[in-house]
Every structure is written in structure tokens, then in C-alpha cells.
């Protein structure tokens, strides 16, 4: 909850969580380190890599096209983005349930 509050404050001030237009990966690491210092008890498995995967997956599950997601992540090709965007099993199940006929079970 505290993390989301901090992120909202940053957004309201116009700050980016992961500044895409910085070609310097150290800038992203520094911002994430600042978040770690401000928020207690962040699990060690929470990494910038995991956050990028989660961001991509959530966008795709909300119907954002891969070209747009690829652009937001700064990927050179959509093929790279396809490696990042993972659909949750519930999302896949709900997509199949939208069909007017039953395909399994």
C-alpha cells in the first residue's frame, strides 16, 4: 500500500517510475533503489525485470496491442515483447468462455 502511495505521488509530480527515454540503465536502477529505500519489506524477488514483465502482461491482458506495448518498453522488435507478455490462466480461460460454443470440458 505504501509503495502505491509513493508511486502515485511520483506520478502526480510528473516523475516516471522507469524513465524510458533515458538511455542510461543506471538511471532505472537508481530509481528502483530509491523505491527500495523508501518502502520497507520489498521482497528480494521484486526486480525491475519482474516489474517490466508484469507491466507488459497487464497491458496485453487489457487489450493493448503488442506494437504499443513494445514501444512503451523500448523494445527493438515486437518479438522481444512477446517474450515479456505472459497471459494469466484465468485470462486465457475467460477468453475461451467468450466463444459461443464449447471447445473443451
C-alpha atoms as a PDB file:
ATOM      1  CA  UNK A   1       0.000   0.000   0.000  1.00  0.00           C
ATOM      2  CA  UNK A   2       2.829   2.380   0.903  1.00  0.00           C
ATOM      3  CA  UNK A   3       4.548   1.604  -2.404  1.00  0.00           C
ATOM      4  CA  UNK A   4       1.447   2.542  -4.391  1.00  0.00           C
ATOM      5  CA  UNK A   5       1.111   5.763  -2.414  1.00  0.00           C
ATOM      6  CA  UNK A   6       4.727   6.684  -3.222  1.00  0.00           C
ATOM      7  CA  UNK A   7       4.279   5.791  -6.880  1.00  0.00           C
ATOM      8  CA  UNK A   8       1.117   7.909  -7.075  1.00  0.00           C
ATOM      9  CA  UNK A   9       2.959  10.876  -5.542  1.00  0.00           C
ATOM     10  CA  UNK A  10       5.750  10.462  -8.094  1.00  0.00           C
ATOM     11  CA  UNK A  11       3.209  10.287 -10.913  1.00  0.00           C
ATOM     12  CA  UNK A  12       1.383  13.378  -9.643  1.00  0.00           C
ATOM     13  CA  UNK A  13       4.699  15.270  -9.668  1.00  0.00           C
ATOM     14  CA  UNK A  14       5.255  14.110 -13.239  1.00  0.00           C
ATOM     15  CA  UNK A  15       8.076  11.727 -12.322  1.00  0.00           C
ATOM     16  CA  UNK A  16       8.425   8.475 -14.209  1.00  0.00           C
ATOM     17  CA  UNK A  17       8.966   5.247 -12.322  1.00  0.00           C
ATOM     18  CA  UNK A  18      11.212   3.873 -15.044  1.00  0.00           C
ATOM     19  CA  UNK A  19      12.342   6.728 -17.271  1.00  0.00           C
ATOM     20  CA  UNK A  20      12.071   5.232 -20.745  1.00  0.00           C
ATOM     21  CA  UNK A  21      13.839   7.997 -22.591  1.00  0.00           C
ATOM     22  CA  UNK A  22      16.977   7.712 -20.531  1.00  0.00           C
ATOM     23  CA  UNK A  23      19.392   5.537 -22.456  1.00  0.00           C
ATOM     24  CA  UNK A  24      21.264   5.001 -19.208  1.00  0.00           C
ATOM     25  CA  UNK A  25      20.229   1.741 -17.472  1.00  0.00           C
ATOM     26  CA  UNK A  26      21.830   3.063 -14.283  1.00  0.00           C
ATOM     27  CA  UNK A  27      19.081   5.715 -14.092  1.00  0.00           C
ATOM     28  CA  UNK A  28      16.458   2.995 -13.884  1.00  0.00           C
ATOM     29  CA  UNK A  29      18.426   1.053 -11.279  1.00  0.00           C
ATOM     30  CA  UNK A  30      18.897   4.217  -9.231  1.00  0.00           C
ATOM     31  CA  UNK A  31      15.153   4.983  -9.271  1.00  0.00           C
ATOM     32  CA  UNK A  32      14.352   1.425  -8.211  1.00  0.00           C
ATOM     33  CA  UNK A  33      16.956   1.586  -5.427  1.00  0.00           C
ATOM     34  CA  UNK A  34      15.306   4.790  -4.199  1.00  0.00           C
ATOM     35  CA  UNK A  35      11.976   2.951  -4.093  1.00  0.00           C
ATOM     36  CA  UNK A  36      13.581   0.098  -2.147  1.00  0.00           C
ATOM     37  CA  UNK A  37      14.922   2.580   0.404  1.00  0.00           C
ATOM     38  CA  UNK A  38      11.554   4.313   0.761  1.00  0.00           C
ATOM     39  CA  UNK A  39       9.464   1.170   1.050  1.00  0.00           C
ATOM     40  CA  UNK A  40      10.223  -1.361   3.740  1.00  0.00           C
ATOM     41  CA  UNK A  41       9.858  -5.082   3.239  1.00  0.00           C
ATOM     42  CA  UNK A  42      10.010  -5.244  -0.530  1.00  0.00           C
ATOM     43  CA  UNK A  43      10.586  -8.903  -1.355  1.00  0.00           C
ATOM     44  CA  UNK A  44      14.020  -9.573  -2.869  1.00  0.00           C
ATOM     45  CA  UNK A  45      12.407 -11.293  -5.860  1.00  0.00           C
ATOM     46  CA  UNK A  46      10.768  -7.985  -6.818  1.00  0.00           C
ATOM     47  CA  UNK A  47      13.132  -6.762  -9.514  1.00  0.00           C
ATOM     48  CA  UNK A  48      12.934  -4.274 -12.356  1.00  0.00           C
ATOM     49  CA  UNK A  49      12.888  -7.249 -14.721  1.00  0.00           C
ATOM     50  CA  UNK A  50       9.831  -8.721 -12.976  1.00  0.00           C
ATOM     51  CA  UNK A  51       8.119  -5.324 -12.998  1.00  0.00           C
ATOM     52  CA  UNK A  52       8.671  -4.986 -16.759  1.00  0.00           C
ATOM     53  CA  UNK A  53       7.181  -8.451 -17.338  1.00  0.00           C
ATOM     54  CA  UNK A  54       4.205  -7.602 -15.120  1.00  0.00           C
ATOM     55  CA  UNK A  55       3.670  -4.246 -16.840  1.00  0.00           C
ATOM     56  CA  UNK A  56       3.738  -5.875 -20.285  1.00  0.00           C
ATOM     57  CA  UNK A  57       1.416  -8.691 -19.221  1.00  0.00           C
ATOM     58  CA  UNK A  58      -1.139  -6.342 -17.669  1.00  0.00           C
ATOM     59  CA  UNK A  59      -1.184  -4.139 -20.771  1.00  0.00           C
ATOM     60  CA  UNK A  60      -1.725  -7.132 -23.068  1.00  0.00           C
ATOM     61  CA  UNK A  61      -4.479  -8.521 -20.819  1.00  0.00           C
ATOM     62  CA  UNK A  62      -6.183  -5.105 -21.012  1.00  0.00           C
ATOM     63  CA  UNK A  63      -6.222  -5.377 -24.789  1.00  0.00           C
ATOM     64  CA  UNK A  64      -3.288  -3.096 -25.627  1.00  0.00           C
ATOM     65  CA  UNK A  65      -1.718  -4.197 -28.904  1.00  0.00           C
ATOM     66  CA  UNK A  66       1.811  -5.630 -28.906  1.00  0.00           C
ATOM     67  CA  UNK A  67       3.207  -2.825 -31.060  1.00  0.00           C
ATOM     68  CA  UNK A  68       2.181  -0.255 -28.444  1.00  0.00           C
ATOM     69  CA  UNK A  69       3.481  -2.389 -25.573  1.00  0.00           C
ATOM     70  CA  UNK A  70       6.741  -2.849 -27.465  1.00  0.00           C
ATOM     71  CA  UNK A  71       7.073   0.904 -27.886  1.00  0.00           C
ATOM     72  CA  UNK A  72       6.348   1.553 -24.201  1.00  0.00           C
ATOM     73  CA  UNK A  73       9.019  -0.939 -23.175  1.00  0.00           C
ATOM     74  CA  UNK A  74      11.517   0.422 -25.677  1.00  0.00           C
ATOM     75  CA  UNK A  75      11.945  -2.921 -27.413  1.00  0.00           C
ATOM     76  CA  UNK A  76      13.593  -3.095 -30.824  1.00  0.00           C
ATOM     77  CA  UNK A  77      11.008  -5.577 -32.143  1.00  0.00           C
ATOM     78  CA  UNK A  78       7.620  -6.981 -31.188  1.00  0.00           C
ATOM     79  CA  UNK A  79       9.288 -10.417 -30.964  1.00  0.00           C
ATOM     80  CA  UNK A  80      11.136  -9.241 -27.844  1.00  0.00           C
ATOM     81  CA  UNK A  81       7.846  -8.029 -26.358  1.00  0.00           C
ATOM     82  CA  UNK A  82       6.263 -11.428 -26.964  1.00  0.00           C
ATOM     83  CA  UNK A  83       8.801 -12.857 -24.511  1.00  0.00           C
ATOM     84  CA  UNK A  84       7.708 -10.354 -21.863  1.00  0.00           C
ATOM     85  CA  UNK A  85       3.931 -10.534 -22.132  1.00  0.00           C
ATOM     86  CA  UNK A  86       2.518 -13.558 -20.322  1.00  0.00           C
ATOM     87  CA  UNK A  87      -1.195 -14.211 -20.011  1.00  0.00           C
ATOM     88  CA  UNK A  88      -2.621 -15.415 -16.724  1.00  0.00           C
ATOM     89  CA  UNK A  89      -4.515 -18.751 -16.852  1.00  0.00           C
ATOM     90  CA  UNK A  90      -7.751 -17.005 -15.795  1.00  0.00           C
ATOM     91  CA  UNK A  91      -7.380 -14.568 -18.683  1.00  0.00           C
ATOM     92  CA  UNK A  92      -6.998 -17.439 -21.149  1.00  0.00           C
ATOM     93  CA  UNK A  93      -9.985 -19.295 -19.653  1.00  0.00           C
ATOM     94  CA  UNK A  94     -12.184 -16.181 -19.824  1.00  0.00           C
ATOM     95  CA  UNK A  95     -11.180 -15.604 -23.458  1.00  0.00           C
ATOM     96  CA  UNK A  96     -12.259 -19.137 -24.378  1.00  0.00           C
ATOM     97  CA  UNK A  97     -15.521 -18.759 -22.434  1.00  0.00           C
ATOM     98  CA  UNK A  98     -16.441 -15.814 -24.682  1.00  0.00           C
ATOM     99  CA  UNK A  99     -16.828 -18.201 -27.617  1.00  0.00           C
ATOM    100  CA  UNK A 100     -20.440 -19.039 -28.498  1.00  0.00           C
ATOM    101  CA  UNK A 101     -19.597 -22.749 -28.365  1.00  0.00           C
ATOM    102  CA  UNK A 102     -17.769 -25.088 -26.011  1.00  0.00           C
ATOM    103  CA  UNK A 103     -14.320 -26.321 -27.055  1.00  0.00           C
ATOM    104  CA  UNK A 104     -13.409 -28.429 -24.022  1.00  0.00           C
ATOM    105  CA  UNK A 105     -14.730 -29.781 -20.743  1.00  0.00           C
END
